[in-house]
Amino acid sequence: MEILLVELNRVCIYSVPKYMSYSESVFKTKEAYNKAIGYQEEDGKLGNSDTYVERVRSCMKLYGALVQTKAEGVKNPYGIEGGWAWMARFLNALPANLYTAVSLQTFIEIAGFALYRRYRSQFKKILNIISRNFVSALEQRPDLANVVMNTSSCERGRDKFSR
């Protein structure tokens, strides 16, 4: 499992969670920045944003599945407690943008029910914080209107868990 998580962290910085902001003093070009955050080359040129978002989504689905996996007689060293810690670090350290929104939404879609079963009212509080702070920050950015529409699933999930 350790090797799998190391590889996952290598290909998707949001599974760490880690964030790199663009700075011309650090990255000479936008292309260098995109390579640093995980864009892959296809036919000698960097892939597009849609391809990158889909890969981030796939990685976060895998991470969400890993943290909630239980096997008879084996303790998952990165179990649901690791998922809870990841979510806390993620919300405390990463800004609201397209990539972080996709990462968080996908993780909650996959691991949300297991997190809810374990943490109940605390998980509901986290969903409220996400709705109040993270989604609000996304709404302030007009270029992310479609992301804000998708994050409403977080609010639906909060309502579903409240029943």
Protein backbone atom coordinates (compact mmCIF):
# COMPACT_ATOMS: atom_id res chain seq x y z
CA MET A 1 0.00 0.00 0.00
CA GLU A 2 2.89 2.35 0.81
CA ILE A 3 4.27 2.14 -2.73
CA LEU A 4 0.84 2.74 -4.22
CA LEU A 5 0.30 5.89 -2.15
CA VAL A 6 3.78 7.20 -2.96
CA GLU A 7 3.05 6.78 -6.66
CA LEU A 8 -0.39 8.36 -6.26
CA ASN A 9 1.20 11.35 -4.48
CA ARG A 10 3.74 11.63 -7.29
CA VAL A 11 1.15 11.82 -10.07
CA CYS A 12 -1.45 13.87 -8.15
CA ILE A 13 -0.18 16.54 -5.77
CA TYR A 14 -3.68 17.04 -4.36
CA SER A 15 -3.61 13.57 -2.79
CA VAL A 16 -0.78 14.78 -0.51
CA PRO A 17 -2.46 17.49 -0.20
CA LYS A 18 -0.08 19.98 -1.73
CA TYR A 19 -0.54 23.18 -3.69
CA MET A 20 1.86 25.16 -5.84
CA SER A 21 0.92 28.64 -6.91
CA TYR A 22 2.20 30.07 -10.17
CA SER A 23 5.04 32.55 -9.86
CA GLU A 24 7.20 33.76 -12.72
CA SER A 25 10.20 33.93 -10.40
CA VAL A 26 9.87 30.20 -9.65
CA PHE A 27 8.49 28.94 -12.96
CA LYS A 28 9.87 30.59 -16.07
CA THR A 29 6.79 29.66 -18.10
CA LYS A 30 3.23 28.56 -17.53
CA GLU A 31 4.25 25.29 -19.20
CA ALA A 32 6.92 24.68 -16.53
CA TYR A 33 4.30 25.30 -13.83
CA ASN A 34 1.85 22.91 -15.49
CA LYS A 35 4.54 20.21 -15.62
CA ALA A 36 5.30 20.77 -11.93
CA ILE A 37 1.67 20.27 -10.89
CA GLY A 38 1.33 17.12 -12.95
CA TYR A 39 0.30 17.86 -16.53
CA GLN A 40 1.61 15.10 -18.76
CA GLU A 41 3.15 15.37 -22.19
CA GLU A 42 1.28 13.88 -25.11
CA ASP A 43 3.01 13.73 -28.50
CA GLY A 44 5.68 16.18 -27.37
CA LYS A 45 3.31 18.81 -25.98
CA LEU A 46 1.52 19.22 -22.67
CA GLY A 47 -1.95 17.78 -22.32
CA ASN A 48 -4.90 20.09 -22.00
CA SER A 49 -6.71 21.15 -18.85
CA ASP A 50 -9.63 18.75 -19.38
CA THR A 51 -7.29 15.75 -19.52
CA TYR A 52 -5.52 16.92 -16.38
CA VAL A 53 -8.80 17.41 -14.49
CA GLU A 54 -9.93 13.90 -15.45
CA ARG A 55 -6.64 12.43 -14.24
CA VAL A 56 -6.95 14.36 -10.94
CA ARG A 57 -10.52 13.04 -10.61
CA SER A 58 -9.35 9.46 -11.24
CA CYS A 59 -6.53 9.75 -8.70
CA MET A 60 -8.84 11.15 -6.06
CA LYS A 61 -11.35 8.35 -6.69
CA LEU A 62 -8.56 5.87 -6.05
CA TYR A 63 -7.45 7.69 -2.91
CA GLY A 64 -11.03 7.88 -1.62
CA ALA A 65 -11.42 4.15 -2.19
CA LEU A 66 -8.10 3.34 -0.51
CA VAL A 67 -8.80 5.20 2.71
CA GLN A 68 -12.09 3.42 3.27
CA THR A 69 -10.92 -0.07 2.33
CA LYS A 70 -11.22 -2.68 5.04
CA ALA A 71 -9.82 -6.18 4.80
CA GLU A 72 -10.54 -8.94 7.29
CA GLY A 73 -7.62 -9.29 9.70
CA VAL A 74 -5.57 -6.47 8.15
CA LYS A 75 -5.37 -2.91 9.47
CA ASN A 76 -5.34 -0.26 6.76
CA PRO A 77 -2.55 2.12 7.85
CA TYR A 78 -4.17 4.89 5.80
CA GLY A 79 -7.74 4.08 6.80
CA ILE A 80 -10.66 6.41 7.29
CA GLU A 81 -8.66 8.31 9.94
CA GLY A 82 -6.14 9.13 7.21
CA GLY A 83 -8.97 10.34 4.99
CA TRP A 84 -10.25 12.57 7.79
CA ALA A 85 -6.76 13.98 8.36
CA TRP A 86 -6.33 14.53 4.60
CA MET A 87 -9.58 16.47 4.41
CA ALA A 88 -8.61 18.67 7.38
CA ARG A 89 -5.17 19.42 5.91
CA PHE A 90 -6.71 20.02 2.49
CA LEU A 91 -9.26 22.54 3.77
CA ASN A 92 -6.70 24.34 5.95
CA ALA A 93 -3.98 24.66 3.30
CA LEU A 94 -5.36 24.72 -0.22
CA PRO A 95 -7.17 27.56 -2.01
CA ALA A 96 -10.46 27.10 -3.81
CA ASN A 97 -9.81 26.67 -7.53
CA LEU A 98 -10.75 24.28 -10.32
CA TYR A 99 -8.27 21.56 -9.38
CA THR A 100 -8.85 21.67 -5.64
CA ALA A 101 -12.63 21.73 -6.15
CA VAL A 102 -12.49 18.64 -8.35
CA SER A 103 -10.19 16.91 -5.85
CA LEU A 104 -12.36 17.63 -2.83
CA GLN A 105 -15.66 16.89 -4.53
CA THR A 106 -14.42 13.57 -5.92
CA PHE A 107 -12.94 12.50 -2.59
CA ILE A 108 -16.21 13.26 -0.79
CA GLU A 109 -18.26 11.46 -3.45
CA ILE A 110 -16.19 8.30 -2.93
CA ALA A 111 -15.29 8.36 0.77
CA GLY A 112 -18.07 10.59 2.11
CA PHE A 113 -20.36 7.86 3.37
CA ALA A 114 -17.57 6.06 5.21
CA LEU A 115 -16.49 9.39 6.72
CA TYR A 116 -20.07 10.08 7.75
CA ARG A 117 -20.48 6.65 9.35
CA ARG A 118 -17.32 7.17 11.38
CA TYR A 119 -17.56 10.87 12.28
CA ARG A 120 -21.32 11.65 12.05
CA SER A 121 -21.89 15.19 13.38
CA GLN A 122 -18.27 16.21 12.81
CA PHE A 123 -18.56 15.23 9.16
CA LYS A 124 -21.73 17.30 8.84
CA LYS A 125 -19.83 20.25 10.32
CA ILE A 126 -17.05 19.80 7.76
CA LEU A 127 -19.62 19.77 4.96
CA ASN A 128 -21.06 23.01 6.35
CA ILE A 129 -17.59 24.56 6.41
CA ILE A 130 -17.01 23.46 2.83
CA SER A 131 -20.32 24.95 1.78
CA ARG A 132 -19.80 28.18 3.68
CA ASN A 133 -16.11 28.81 2.96
CA PHE A 134 -14.82 26.71 0.06
CA VAL A 135 -17.87 26.97 -2.20
CA SER A 136 -18.26 30.66 -1.35
CA ALA A 137 -14.65 31.25 -2.44
CA LEU A 138 -15.39 29.44 -5.72
CA GLU A 139 -18.46 31.61 -6.27
CA GLN A 140 -16.27 34.72 -6.10
CA ARG A 141 -14.48 33.56 -9.25
CA PRO A 142 -16.62 34.01 -12.38
CA ASP A 143 -14.33 31.73 -14.39
CA LEU A 144 -15.39 28.82 -12.18
CA ALA A 145 -19.17 29.01 -12.62
CA ASN A 146 -19.42 25.42 -13.86
CA VAL A 147 -17.40 24.17 -10.88
CA VAL A 148 -19.75 25.95 -8.48
CA MET A 149 -22.69 24.22 -10.13
CA ASN A 150 -21.01 20.84 -9.56
CA THR A 151 -20.17 21.57 -5.92
CA SER A 152 -23.87 21.77 -5.17
CA SER A 153 -23.59 17.98 -4.89
CA CYS A 154 -21.70 18.64 -1.66
CA GLU A 155 -24.68 20.55 -0.35
CA ARG A 156 -27.04 17.77 -1.46
CA GLY A 157 -24.78 15.32 0.35
CA ARG A 158 -24.90 17.41 3.51
CA ASP A 159 -28.70 17.40 3.33
CA LYS A 160 -28.73 13.64 2.71
CA PHE A 161 -26.54 12.98 5.75
CA SER A 162 -28.73 15.24 7.88
CA ARG A 163 -31.76 12.99 7.55
